[in-house]
C-alpha atoms as a PDB file:
ATOM      1  CA  MET A   1      82.752 -52.142  17.466  1.00  0.00           C
ATOM      2  CA  SER A   2      82.781 -48.542  18.592  1.00  0.00           C
ATOM      3  CA  ARG A   3      84.770 -47.149  21.352  1.00  0.00           C
ATOM      4  CA  ARG A   4      81.918 -47.794  23.802  1.00  0.00           C
ATOM      5  CA  GLY A   5      81.480 -51.383  22.666  1.00  0.00           C
ATOM      6  CA  LEU A   6      78.367 -50.681  20.572  1.00  0.00           C
ATOM      7  CA  VAL A   7      77.972 -51.975  17.054  1.00  0.00           C
ATOM      8  CA  ASN A   8      77.357 -49.371  14.365  1.00  0.00           C
ATOM      9  CA  THR A   9      74.492 -50.788  12.276  1.00  0.00           C
ATOM     10  CA  ARG A  10      75.124 -48.360   9.403  1.00  0.00           C
ATOM     11  CA  PRO A  11      78.890 -48.014   9.136  1.00  0.00           C
ATOM     12  CA  PHE A  12      78.878 -46.689   5.569  1.00  0.00           C
ATOM     13  CA  ALA A  13      75.864 -44.296   5.804  1.00  0.00           C
ATOM     14  CA  ARG A  14      76.683 -40.676   5.046  1.00  0.00           C
ATOM     15  CA  LYS A  15      75.430 -37.994   7.325  1.00  0.00           C
ATOM     16  CA  ARG A  16      72.831 -35.640   5.788  1.00  0.00           C
ATOM     17  CA  LYS A  17      73.687 -31.995   5.611  1.00  0.00           C
ATOM     18  CA  LYS A  18      71.139 -29.512   6.883  1.00  0.00           C
ATOM     19  CA  TYR A  19      70.374 -26.608   4.556  1.00  0.00           C
ATOM     20  CA  SER A  20      68.687 -23.427   5.659  1.00  0.00           C
ATOM     21  CA  LEU A  21      67.017 -20.888   3.369  1.00  0.00           C
ATOM     22  CA  LYS A  22      69.713 -18.389   4.249  1.00  0.00           C
ATOM     23  CA  ARG A  23      72.502 -20.867   3.270  1.00  0.00           C
ATOM     24  CA  VAL A  24      70.815 -21.680  -0.060  1.00  0.00           C
ATOM     25  CA  ILE A  25      70.447 -17.996  -0.867  1.00  0.00           C
ATOM     26  CA  ASN A  26      74.117 -17.358   0.026  1.00  0.00           C
ATOM     27  CA  GLN A  27      75.345 -20.288  -2.124  1.00  0.00           C
ATOM     28  CA  ALA A  28      73.325 -18.929  -5.019  1.00  0.00           C
ATOM     29  CA  GLY A  29      75.136 -15.649  -4.692  1.00  0.00           C
ATOM     30  CA  ILE A  30      71.991 -13.668  -3.758  1.00  0.00           C
ATOM     31  CA  SER A  31      71.987 -11.397  -0.789  1.00  0.00           C
ATOM     32  CA  LEU A  32      68.957 -11.629   1.544  1.00  0.00           C
ATOM     33  CA  PRO A  33      67.820  -7.981   1.064  1.00  0.00           C
ATOM     34  CA  THR A  34      67.981  -8.442  -2.717  1.00  0.00           C
ATOM     35  CA  PHE A  35      65.890 -11.649  -2.499  1.00  0.00           C
ATOM     36  CA  SER A  36      63.220  -9.958  -0.328  1.00  0.00           C
ATOM     37  CA  LEU A  37      63.034  -7.044  -2.726  1.00  0.00           C
ATOM     38  CA  SER A  38      62.603  -9.386  -5.685  1.00  0.00           C
ATOM     39  CA  LEU A  39      59.801 -11.286  -3.869  1.00  0.00           C
ATOM     40  CA  ASN A  40      57.953  -8.090  -2.973  1.00  0.00           C
ATOM     41  CA  GLN A  41      58.194  -6.887  -6.546  1.00  0.00           C
ATOM     42  CA  LYS A  42      56.624 -10.091  -7.828  1.00  0.00           C
ATOM     43  CA  VAL A  43      53.758  -9.819  -5.307  1.00  0.00           C
ATOM     44  CA  LYS A  44      53.131  -6.228  -6.317  1.00  0.00           C
ATOM     45  CA  THR A  45      53.116  -7.201  -9.975  1.00  0.00           C
ATOM     46  CA  ILE A  46      50.555  -9.976  -9.351  1.00  0.00           C
ATOM     47  CA  LEU A  47      48.314  -7.654  -7.305  1.00  0.00           C
ATOM     48  CA  SER A  48      48.504  -4.937  -9.939  1.00  0.00           C
ATOM     49  CA  ARG A  49      47.530  -7.350 -12.700  1.00  0.00           C
ATOM     50  CA  THR A  50      44.661  -8.702 -10.576  1.00  0.00           C
ATOM     51  CA  LEU A  51      43.375  -5.197  -9.882  1.00  0.00           C
ATOM     52  CA  ILE A  52      43.561  -4.224 -13.549  1.00  0.00           C
ATOM     53  CA  SER A  53      41.728  -7.423 -14.529  1.00  0.00           C
ATOM     54  CA  SER A  54      39.002  -6.755 -11.972  1.00  0.00           C
ATOM     55  CA  ILE A  55      38.531  -3.205 -13.233  1.00  0.00           C
ATOM     56  CA  LEU A  56      38.288  -4.446 -16.816  1.00  0.00           C
ATOM     57  CA  VAL A  57      35.696  -7.074 -15.825  1.00  0.00           C
ATOM     58  CA  ILE A  58      33.622  -4.460 -13.960  1.00  0.00           C
ATOM     59  CA  CYS A  59      33.772  -2.084 -16.936  1.00  0.00           C
ATOM     60  CA  TRP A  60      32.797  -4.863 -19.310  1.00  0.00           C
ATOM     61  CA  PHE A  61      29.886  -5.828 -17.044  1.00  0.00           C
ATOM     62  CA  PHE A  62      28.763  -2.180 -16.799  1.00  0.00           C
ATOM     63  CA  PHE A  63      28.758  -1.685 -20.568  1.00  0.00           C
ATOM     64  CA  LEU A  64      26.978  -5.031 -20.991  1.00  0.00           C
ATOM     65  CA  ILE A  65      24.194  -3.957 -18.614  1.00  0.00           C
ATOM     66  CA  LYS A  66      23.979  -0.560 -20.260  1.00  0.00           C
ATOM     67  CA  GLY A  67      23.767  -2.125 -23.698  1.00  0.00           C
ATOM     68  CA  VAL A  68      21.103  -4.645 -22.715  1.00  0.00           C
ATOM     69  CA  PHE A  69      18.933  -2.895 -20.101  1.00  0.00           C
ATOM     70  CA  PHE A  70      19.364   0.778 -20.962  1.00  0.00           C
ATOM     71  CA  LYS A  71      18.468   0.723 -24.617  1.00  0.00           C
ATOM     72  CA  ALA A  72      16.257   3.479 -25.982  1.00  0.00           C
ATOM     73  CA  THR A  73      13.430   0.958 -26.297  1.00  0.00           C
ATOM     74  CA  PHE A  74      13.262   0.751 -22.478  1.00  0.00           C
ATOM     75  CA  THR A  75      12.782   4.507 -22.016  1.00  0.00           C
ATOM     76  CA  MET A  76       9.112   5.029 -21.227  1.00  0.00           C
ATOM     77  CA  LYS A  77       7.372   7.628 -23.407  1.00  0.00           C
ATOM     78  CA  ASN A  78       3.751   6.529 -23.172  1.00  0.00           C
ATOM     79  CA  VAL A  79       1.416   5.029 -20.574  1.00  0.00           C
ATOM     80  CA  LYS A  80      -1.372   2.512 -21.169  1.00  0.00           C
ATOM     81  CA  TRP A  81      -3.926   1.998 -18.393  1.00  0.00           C
ATOM     82  CA  SER A  82      -5.457  -1.422 -17.848  1.00  0.00           C
ATOM     83  CA  GLU A  83      -9.143  -1.887 -18.628  1.00  0.00           C
ATOM     84  CA  GLN A  84      -9.797  -2.800 -14.995  1.00  0.00           C
ATOM     85  CA  THR A  85      -8.180   0.421 -13.782  1.00  0.00           C
ATOM     86  CA  ILE A  86     -10.287   2.540 -16.139  1.00  0.00           C
ATOM     87  CA  ALA A  87     -13.492   0.745 -15.156  1.00  0.00           C
ATOM     88  CA  THR A  88     -12.772   0.962 -11.431  1.00  0.00           C
ATOM     89  CA  TYR A  89     -11.636   4.573 -11.095  1.00  0.00           C
ATOM     90  CA  GLU A  90     -10.990   6.667 -14.191  1.00  0.00           C
ATOM     91  CA  ASP A  91      -9.717   9.978 -12.864  1.00  0.00           C
ATOM     92  CA  ILE A  92      -7.775  12.303 -15.152  1.00  0.00           C
ATOM     93  CA  ASP A  93      -5.951  14.026 -12.272  1.00  0.00           C
ATOM     94  CA  LEU A  94      -4.743  10.699 -10.879  1.00  0.00           C
ATOM     95  CA  PHE A  95      -3.627   9.470 -14.299  1.00  0.00           C
ATOM     96  CA  ASN A  96      -1.785  12.707 -15.119  1.00  0.00           C
ATOM     97  CA  SER A  97      -0.004  12.695 -11.761  1.00  0.00           C
ATOM     98  CA  ILE A  98       1.339   9.174 -12.319  1.00  0.00           C
ATOM     99  CA  THR A  99       2.201   9.758 -15.991  1.00  0.00           C
ATOM    100  CA  ALA A 100       4.309  12.820 -15.119  1.00  0.00           C
ATOM    101  CA  GLN A 101       6.496  10.653 -12.857  1.00  0.00           C
ATOM    102  CA  ILE A 102       6.811   7.806 -15.377  1.00  0.00           C
ATOM    103  CA  LYS A 103       7.743   9.456 -18.668  1.00  0.00           C
ATOM    104  CA  GLY A 104      11.431   9.532 -19.546  1.00  0.00           C
ATOM    105  CA  LYS A 105      12.419   6.885 -17.008  1.00  0.00           C
ATOM    106  CA  ASN A 106      13.988   3.477 -17.671  1.00  0.00           C
ATOM    107  CA  TYR A 107      11.692   0.484 -17.339  1.00  0.00           C
ATOM    108  CA  TYR A 108      14.107  -1.576 -15.231  1.00  0.00           C
ATOM    109  CA  MET A 109      14.886   1.352 -12.942  1.00  0.00           C
ATOM    110  CA  LEU A 110      11.161   1.900 -12.484  1.00  0.00           C
ATOM    111  CA  THR A 111      10.367  -1.694 -11.603  1.00  0.00           C
ATOM    112  CA  THR A 112      13.435  -2.189  -9.401  1.00  0.00           C
ATOM    113  CA  PHE A 113      13.992   1.071  -7.522  1.00  0.00           C
ATOM    114  CA  GLN A 114      11.506   3.829  -8.392  1.00  0.00           C
ATOM    115  CA  LYS A 115       8.130   2.111  -8.174  1.00  0.00           C
ATOM    116  CA  TRP A 116       7.643   2.355  -4.398  1.00  0.00           C
ATOM    117  CA  PRO A 117       8.710   6.013  -4.017  1.00  0.00           C
ATOM    118  CA  ILE A 118       6.296   6.940  -6.828  1.00  0.00           C
ATOM    119  CA  LEU A 119       3.468   4.978  -5.170  1.00  0.00           C
ATOM    120  CA  ALA A 120       4.145   6.616  -1.796  1.00  0.00           C
ATOM    121  CA  LYS A 121       3.994  10.072  -3.397  1.00  0.00           C
ATOM    122  CA  ILE A 122       0.733   9.246  -5.197  1.00  0.00           C
ATOM    123  CA  GLN A 123      -0.858   7.925  -1.994  1.00  0.00           C
ATOM    124  CA  LYS A 124      -0.340  11.285  -0.269  1.00  0.00           C
ATOM    125  CA  GLU A 125      -2.731  12.857  -2.782  1.00  0.00           C
ATOM    126  CA  PHE A 126      -4.851   9.781  -3.538  1.00  0.00           C
ATOM    127  CA  PRO A 127      -4.803   7.647  -0.333  1.00  0.00           C
ATOM    128  CA  PHE A 128      -7.227   5.074  -1.725  1.00  0.00           C
ATOM    129  CA  VAL A 129      -4.627   3.863  -4.289  1.00  0.00           C
ATOM    130  CA  GLN A 130      -3.449   0.592  -2.787  1.00  0.00           C
ATOM    131  CA  ALA A 131      -0.982  -0.872  -5.286  1.00  0.00           C
ATOM    132  CA  MET A 132       0.557  -0.229  -8.706  1.00  0.00           C
ATOM    133  CA  ASP A 133       1.768  -2.895 -11.149  1.00  0.00           C
ATOM    134  CA  PHE A 134       3.897  -2.272 -14.264  1.00  0.00           C
ATOM    135  CA  GLN A 135       4.001  -4.188 -17.532  1.00  0.00           C
ATOM    136  CA  LEU A 136       6.294  -3.478 -20.493  1.00  0.00           C
ATOM    137  CA  GLU A 137       4.338  -2.827 -23.704  1.00  0.00           C
ATOM    138  CA  THR A 138       5.572  -2.240 -27.246  1.00  0.00           C
ATOM    139  CA  GLY A 139       6.541   1.187 -28.536  1.00  0.00           C
ATOM    140  CA  ASN A 140       8.175   2.596 -25.385  1.00  0.00           C
ATOM    141  CA  THR A 141       4.873   2.144 -23.566  1.00  0.00           C
ATOM    142  CA  LEU A 142       4.387   1.201 -19.930  1.00  0.00           C
ATOM    143  CA  GLY A 143       1.231  -0.673 -18.984  1.00  0.00           C
ATOM    144  CA  ILE A 144      -0.075   0.268 -15.537  1.00  0.00           C
ATOM    145  CA  ASP A 145      -2.658  -1.519 -13.412  1.00  0.00           C
ATOM    146  CA  LEU A 146      -3.860   0.166 -10.224  1.00  0.00           C
ATOM    147  CA  LYS A 147      -5.447  -1.495  -7.211  1.00  0.00           C
ATOM    148  CA  PHE A 148      -7.777   0.563  -5.021  1.00  0.00           C
ATOM    149  CA  SER A 149      -8.972   0.316  -1.425  1.00  0.00           C
ATOM    150  CA  GLU A 150     -12.735   0.118  -1.138  1.00  0.00           C
ATOM    151  CA  PRO A 151     -14.377   2.982   0.818  1.00  0.00           C
ATOM    152  CA  LEU A 152     -15.752   2.264   4.288  1.00  0.00           C
ATOM    153  CA  PHE A 153     -19.004   3.731   2.997  1.00  0.00           C
ATOM    154  CA  LYS A 154     -20.258   6.272   0.466  1.00  0.00           C
ATOM    155  CA  VAL A 155     -21.955   9.629   1.020  1.00  0.00           C
ATOM    156  CA  LYS A 156     -24.416  11.020  -1.539  1.00  0.00           C
ATOM    157  CA  LEU A 157     -24.609  14.816  -1.740  1.00  0.00           C
ATOM    158  CA  GLY A 158     -27.153  15.759  -4.376  1.00  0.00           C
ATOM    159  CA  GLU A 159     -25.716  14.476  -7.655  1.00  0.00           C
ATOM    160  CA  LYS A 160     -22.253  13.924  -6.214  1.00  0.00           C
ATOM    161  CA  MET A 161     -20.944  10.745  -4.591  1.00  0.00           C
ATOM    162  CA  PHE A 162     -17.964  10.548  -2.230  1.00  0.00           C
ATOM    163  CA  GLY A 163     -16.055   7.571  -0.879  1.00  0.00           C
ATOM    164  CA  VAL A 164     -14.965   7.734   2.756  1.00  0.00           C
ATOM    165  CA  ARG A 165     -11.764   6.050   3.969  1.00  0.00           C
ATOM    166  CA  GLY A 166     -11.259   7.931   7.248  1.00  0.00           C
ATOM    167  CA  GLU A 167     -11.897  11.169   9.117  1.00  0.00           C
ATOM    168  CA  TYR A 168     -10.186  13.286   6.467  1.00  0.00           C
ATOM    169  CA  LEU A 169      -9.821  10.783   3.636  1.00  0.00           C
ATOM    170  CA  PHE A 170     -12.530  11.471   1.064  1.00  0.00           C
ATOM    171  CA  PHE A 171     -12.598  11.126  -2.706  1.00  0.00           C
ATOM    172  CA  GLU A 172     -15.242  11.761  -5.330  1.00  0.00           C
ATOM    173  CA  ILE A 173     -16.683   8.797  -7.228  1.00  0.00           C
ATOM    174  CA  GLN A 174     -17.922   9.670 -10.691  1.00  0.00           C
ATOM    175  CA  SER A 175     -20.989   8.077 -12.220  1.00  0.00           C
ATOM    176  CA  GLY A 176     -20.209   4.729 -13.836  1.00  0.00           C
ATOM    177  CA  MET A 177     -17.136   3.955 -11.720  1.00  0.00           C
ATOM    178  CA  GLN A 178     -17.014   0.524 -10.124  1.00  0.00           C
ATOM    179  CA  LEU A 179     -15.080   1.632  -7.048  1.00  0.00           C
ATOM    180  CA  GLY A 180     -17.369   1.412  -4.016  1.00  0.00           C
ATOM    181  CA  ILE A 181     -20.226  -0.025  -6.053  1.00  0.00           C
ATOM    182  CA  GLU A 182     -21.051  -2.477  -3.241  1.00  0.00           C
ATOM    183  CA  SER A 183     -20.244  -0.116  -0.349  1.00  0.00           C
ATOM    184  CA  PHE A 184     -22.988   1.067   1.979  1.00  0.00           C
ATOM    185  CA  MET A 185     -24.448   4.439   0.993  1.00  0.00           C
ATOM    186  CA  VAL A 186     -25.281   7.258   3.393  1.00  0.00           C
ATOM    187  CA  ASP A 187     -27.872   9.538   1.810  1.00  0.00           C
ATOM    188  CA  THR A 188     -28.461  13.204   2.696  1.00  0.00           C
ATOM    189  CA  PRO A 189     -31.459  15.569   2.527  1.00  0.00           C
ATOM    190  CA  ARG A 190     -32.153  17.732  -0.495  1.00  0.00           C
ATOM    191  CA  TYR A 191     -31.027  20.913   1.252  1.00  0.00           C
ATOM    192  CA  LEU A 192     -27.412  19.697   0.825  1.00  0.00           C
ATOM    193  CA  THR A 193     -27.713  19.389  -2.958  1.00  0.00           C
ATOM    194  CA  GLY A 194     -25.460  22.390  -3.611  1.00  0.00           C
ATOM    195  CA  THR A 195     -22.682  21.074  -1.335  1.00  0.00           C
ATOM    196  CA  THR A 196     -19.564  20.157  -3.313  1.00  0.00           C
ATOM    197  CA  SER A 197     -17.372  18.528  -0.646  1.00  0.00           C
ATOM    198  CA  LEU A 198     -17.459  16.715   2.687  1.00  0.00           C
ATOM    199  CA  SER A 199     -15.634  19.488   4.508  1.00  0.00           C
ATOM    200  CA  GLY A 200     -17.225  19.748   7.966  1.00  0.00           C
ATOM    201  CA  PHE A 201     -19.648  16.941   7.184  1.00  0.00           C
ATOM    202  CA  PHE A 202     -18.476  14.800  10.119  1.00  0.00           C
ATOM    203  CA  PHE A 203     -18.385  17.591  12.693  1.00  0.00           C
ATOM    204  CA  ASP A 204     -21.329  16.318  14.786  1.00  0.00           C
ATOM    205  CA  VAL A 205     -20.917  12.612  14.049  1.00  0.00           C
ATOM    206  CA  SER A 206     -17.443  11.179  13.406  1.00  0.00           C
ATOM    207  CA  VAL A 207     -16.634   8.623  10.717  1.00  0.00           C
ATOM    208  CA  GLN A 208     -16.180   5.931  13.377  1.00  0.00           C
ATOM    209  CA  GLU A 209     -19.534   6.748  14.993  1.00  0.00           C
ATOM    210  CA  MET A 210     -21.152   6.571  11.572  1.00  0.00           C
ATOM    211  CA  MET A 211     -19.586   3.181  10.895  1.00  0.00           C
ATOM    212  CA  ASP A 212     -20.706   1.825  14.278  1.00  0.00           C
ATOM    213  CA  LEU A 213     -24.258   3.060  13.687  1.00  0.00           C
ATOM    214  CA  ILE A 214     -24.407   1.550  10.189  1.00  0.00           C
ATOM    215  CA  ASN A 215     -23.294  -1.857  11.490  1.00  0.00           C
ATOM    216  CA  VAL A 216     -25.880  -1.832  14.306  1.00  0.00           C
ATOM    217  CA  ILE A 217     -28.776  -0.620  12.136  1.00  0.00           C
ATOM    218  CA  GLN A 218     -28.107  -3.211   9.440  1.00  0.00           C
ATOM    219  CA  LYS A 219     -28.419  -5.890  12.089  1.00  0.00           C
ATOM    220  CA  GLU A 220     -31.317  -4.454  14.131  1.00  0.00           C
ATOM    221  CA  ILE A 221     -33.473  -3.170  11.247  1.00  0.00           C
ATOM    222  CA  PRO A 222     -32.848  -5.620   8.380  1.00  0.00           C
ATOM    223  CA  THR A 223     -35.728  -4.156   6.331  1.00  0.00           C
ATOM    224  CA  MET A 224     -33.806  -0.864   5.884  1.00  0.00           C
ATOM    225  CA  ASN A 225     -33.404   0.200   2.260  1.00  0.00           C
ATOM    226  CA  ARG A 226     -32.292   3.816   2.712  1.00  0.00           C
ATOM    227  CA  PHE A 227     -30.144   5.479   5.374  1.00  0.00           C
ATOM    228  CA  VAL A 228     -30.244   9.287   5.594  1.00  0.00           C
ATOM    229  CA  TYR A 229     -27.987  11.426   7.766  1.00  0.00           C
ATOM    230  CA  LEU A 230     -29.562  14.759   8.666  1.00  0.00           C
ATOM    231  CA  ALA A 231     -26.268  16.633   8.506  1.00  0.00           C
ATOM    232  CA  GLY A 232     -25.814  19.435  10.999  1.00  0.00           C
ATOM    233  CA  SER A 233     -27.362  17.332  13.759  1.00  0.00           C
ATOM    234  CA  LYS A 234     -27.083  13.867  15.249  1.00  0.00           C
ATOM    235  CA  ARG A 235     -30.328  12.620  13.744  1.00  0.00           C
ATOM    236  CA  PHE A 236     -30.804   9.836  11.222  1.00  0.00           C
ATOM    237  CA  ALA A 237     -33.794   8.760   9.178  1.00  0.00           C
ATOM    238  CA  ILE A 238     -34.052   5.061   8.328  1.00  0.00           C
ATOM    239  CA  PHE A 239     -36.437   4.143   5.520  1.00  0.00           C
ATOM    240  CA  THR A 240     -37.696   0.546   5.501  1.00  0.00           C
ATOM    241  CA  GLN A 241     -39.144  -1.761   2.873  1.00  0.00           C
ATOM    242  CA  THR A 242     -42.525  -1.466   4.620  1.00  0.00           C
ATOM    243  CA  GLU A 243     -42.626   2.262   3.769  1.00  0.00           C
ATOM    244  CA  GLN A 244     -41.859   3.410   7.295  1.00  0.00           C
ATOM    245  CA  THR A 245     -39.398   6.046   8.444  1.00  0.00           C
ATOM    246  CA  VAL A 246     -37.630   5.422  11.758  1.00  0.00           C
ATOM    247  CA  TYR A 247     -35.840   8.403  13.352  1.00  0.00           C
ATOM    248  CA  ILE A 248     -32.856   7.902  15.629  1.00  0.00           C
ATOM    249  CA  ASN A 249     -31.086  10.609  17.615  1.00  0.00           C
ATOM    250  CA  LEU A 250     -27.526  10.065  18.874  1.00  0.00           C
ATOM    251  CA  ASN A 251     -27.935  12.299  21.908  1.00  0.00           C
ATOM    252  CA  ASP A 252     -26.459  12.059  25.372  1.00  0.00           C
ATOM    253  CA  GLU A 253     -29.815  11.472  27.074  1.00  0.00           C
ATOM    254  CA  GLU A 254     -30.623   8.111  25.532  1.00  0.00           C
ATOM    255  CA  SER A 255     -28.274   5.547  23.999  1.00  0.00           C
ATOM    256  CA  LEU A 256     -28.741   3.961  20.605  1.00  0.00           C
ATOM    257  CA  GLN A 257     -29.445   0.589  22.201  1.00  0.00           C
ATOM    258  CA  GLU A 258     -32.179   2.083  24.403  1.00  0.00           C
ATOM    259  CA  GLN A 259     -33.884   3.590  21.366  1.00  0.00           C
ATOM    260  CA  LEU A 260     -33.697   0.299  19.459  1.00  0.00           C
ATOM    261  CA  THR A 261     -35.154  -1.521  22.496  1.00  0.00           C
ATOM    262  CA  LYS A 262     -38.194   0.766  22.315  1.00  0.00           C
ATOM    263  CA  TYR A 263     -38.513  -0.016  18.590  1.00  0.00           C
ATOM    264  CA  HIS A 264     -38.475  -3.787  19.198  1.00  0.00           C
ATOM    265  CA  MET A 265     -41.030  -3.452  22.009  1.00  0.00           C
ATOM    266  CA  LEU A 266     -43.274  -1.488  19.663  1.00  0.00           C
ATOM    267  CA  GLN A 267     -42.970  -4.273  17.080  1.00  0.00           C
ATOM    268  CA  GLN A 268     -43.889  -6.877  19.692  1.00  0.00           C
ATOM    269  CA  TYR A 269     -46.747  -5.171  21.498  1.00  0.00           C
ATOM    270  CA  TYR A 270     -48.322  -2.850  18.930  1.00  0.00           C
ATOM    271  CA  PRO A 271     -50.284  -4.921  16.387  1.00  0.00           C
ATOM    272  CA  SER A 272     -50.920  -1.987  14.069  1.00  0.00           C
ATOM    273  CA  ILE A 273     -47.259  -1.077  13.631  1.00  0.00           C
ATOM    274  CA  GLN A 274     -47.482  -1.670   9.867  1.00  0.00           C
ATOM    275  CA  ARG A 275     -49.962   1.227   9.668  1.00  0.00           C
ATOM    276  CA  LEU A 276     -47.439   3.704  11.043  1.00  0.00           C
ATOM    277  CA  ALA A 277     -45.721   6.064   8.632  1.00  0.00           C
ATOM    278  CA  THR A 278     -43.075   7.457  11.021  1.00  0.00           C
ATOM    279  CA  ILE A 279     -41.576   6.250  14.303  1.00  0.00           C
ATOM    280  CA  ASP A 280     -39.465   8.800  16.177  1.00  0.00           C
ATOM    281  CA  LEU A 281     -37.415   7.020  18.851  1.00  0.00           C
ATOM    282  CA  GLY A 282     -35.086   9.695  20.174  1.00  0.00           C
ATOM    283  CA  SER A 283     -36.799  13.074  20.181  1.00  0.00           C
ATOM    284  CA  LEU A 284     -38.461  12.647  23.580  1.00  0.00           C
ATOM    285  CA  ASP A 285     -37.332  11.050  26.837  1.00  0.00           C
ATOM    286  CA  ALA A 286     -36.484   7.384  27.282  1.00  0.00           C
ATOM    287  CA  THR A 287     -40.056   6.278  27.913  1.00  0.00           C
ATOM    288  CA  LYS A 288     -41.814   7.901  24.940  1.00  0.00           C
ATOM    289  CA  ILE A 289     -42.082   7.436  21.186  1.00  0.00           C
ATOM    290  CA  ILE A 290     -43.568   9.782  18.615  1.00  0.00           C
ATOM    291  CA  VAL A 291     -45.556   7.986  15.914  1.00  0.00           C
ATOM    292  CA  ARG A 292     -47.608   9.082  12.921  1.00  0.00           C
ATOM    293  CA  LYS A 293     -50.035   6.933  10.991  1.00  0.00           C
ATOM    294  CA  LYS A 294     -50.032   6.591   7.227  1.00  0.00           C
END
C-alpha cells in the first residue's frame, strides 16, 4: 500500500530515463558546435559528389550524341531531288537557292531545327513552294522532295506561261512542267507576244475579279474552250466549241450578270444563233447586242 492507500501494481518496475539529443552528444564528449560543423561538412561532401557525377553524366551524354549524330557521314555535301519534284517544277534558281542553304549542315540539325527557317526563307522568293521533306541518302547526300501550291490560274503571254497565286505572286512555268497542268488558262492577244512578265497585267482587272469572272463564265457558258483577256482594257473574248466569239466588257454601265442575261435571251429567242460568228454583249447600252454572222 502507498501512503495514499493505493496499491502499486508495478512495485519493481524501473523508471525510464529520458535522453535528449543534447545529452547524448554531451555524454559522447562532442560539443554541439563541433557536431553541427561535422554534419554540414558531410552534406557538402555529398552535394559536391552529386554535382560532379551529374557533370560527368552530362559530358558523357554530350560526347555520345556527338559521336553518334555528328559523324562526318551526316554532314550534307550533295543534294538529290525527287523525281516528282523535277517533273512538277524543275527550276535551276530554286534548286540552287535551297542547295546553298543545305550544304555543310548536319542532317539531324537540318531535320530538327533548321528545316522550317530554310523553308520560310525560300517561300519569300518562291511563294508557291508549300512544303519540303528531307531524306538521308548514301554518300553525304540529302534527298529533297518539294510540294507546290497549284496556281489559281495560268496566263499565256506568247510562248511564255505564268502561274498566278495572288495580286503580286507570279511565277513562270516552263514547257513540260506538271505544275498547273490542270489549272484554268487565260490567253492573251498576239500583240502581247513580246511581253516577258506580268508586271502591270492586272492594272485594269484585279486577280480576284479575274477569278470571279472565270468561275461565272465556266458555269454560264459551258461550251467555252478558250478565254482571252484583252489586256489594257476590261474586255474579254470567249471562244466556244460552236466556233463563236462572245465579247464581255466589265464596265460600270452594265454588270456581268446583265450581259449574260442578254446572251441567254438571244439563245432562247433567236433561232439562227448558231449562224453567228461574234456576239458582243457589252459594247453598247444594256438593251443592245452587236452580232456578226459567219
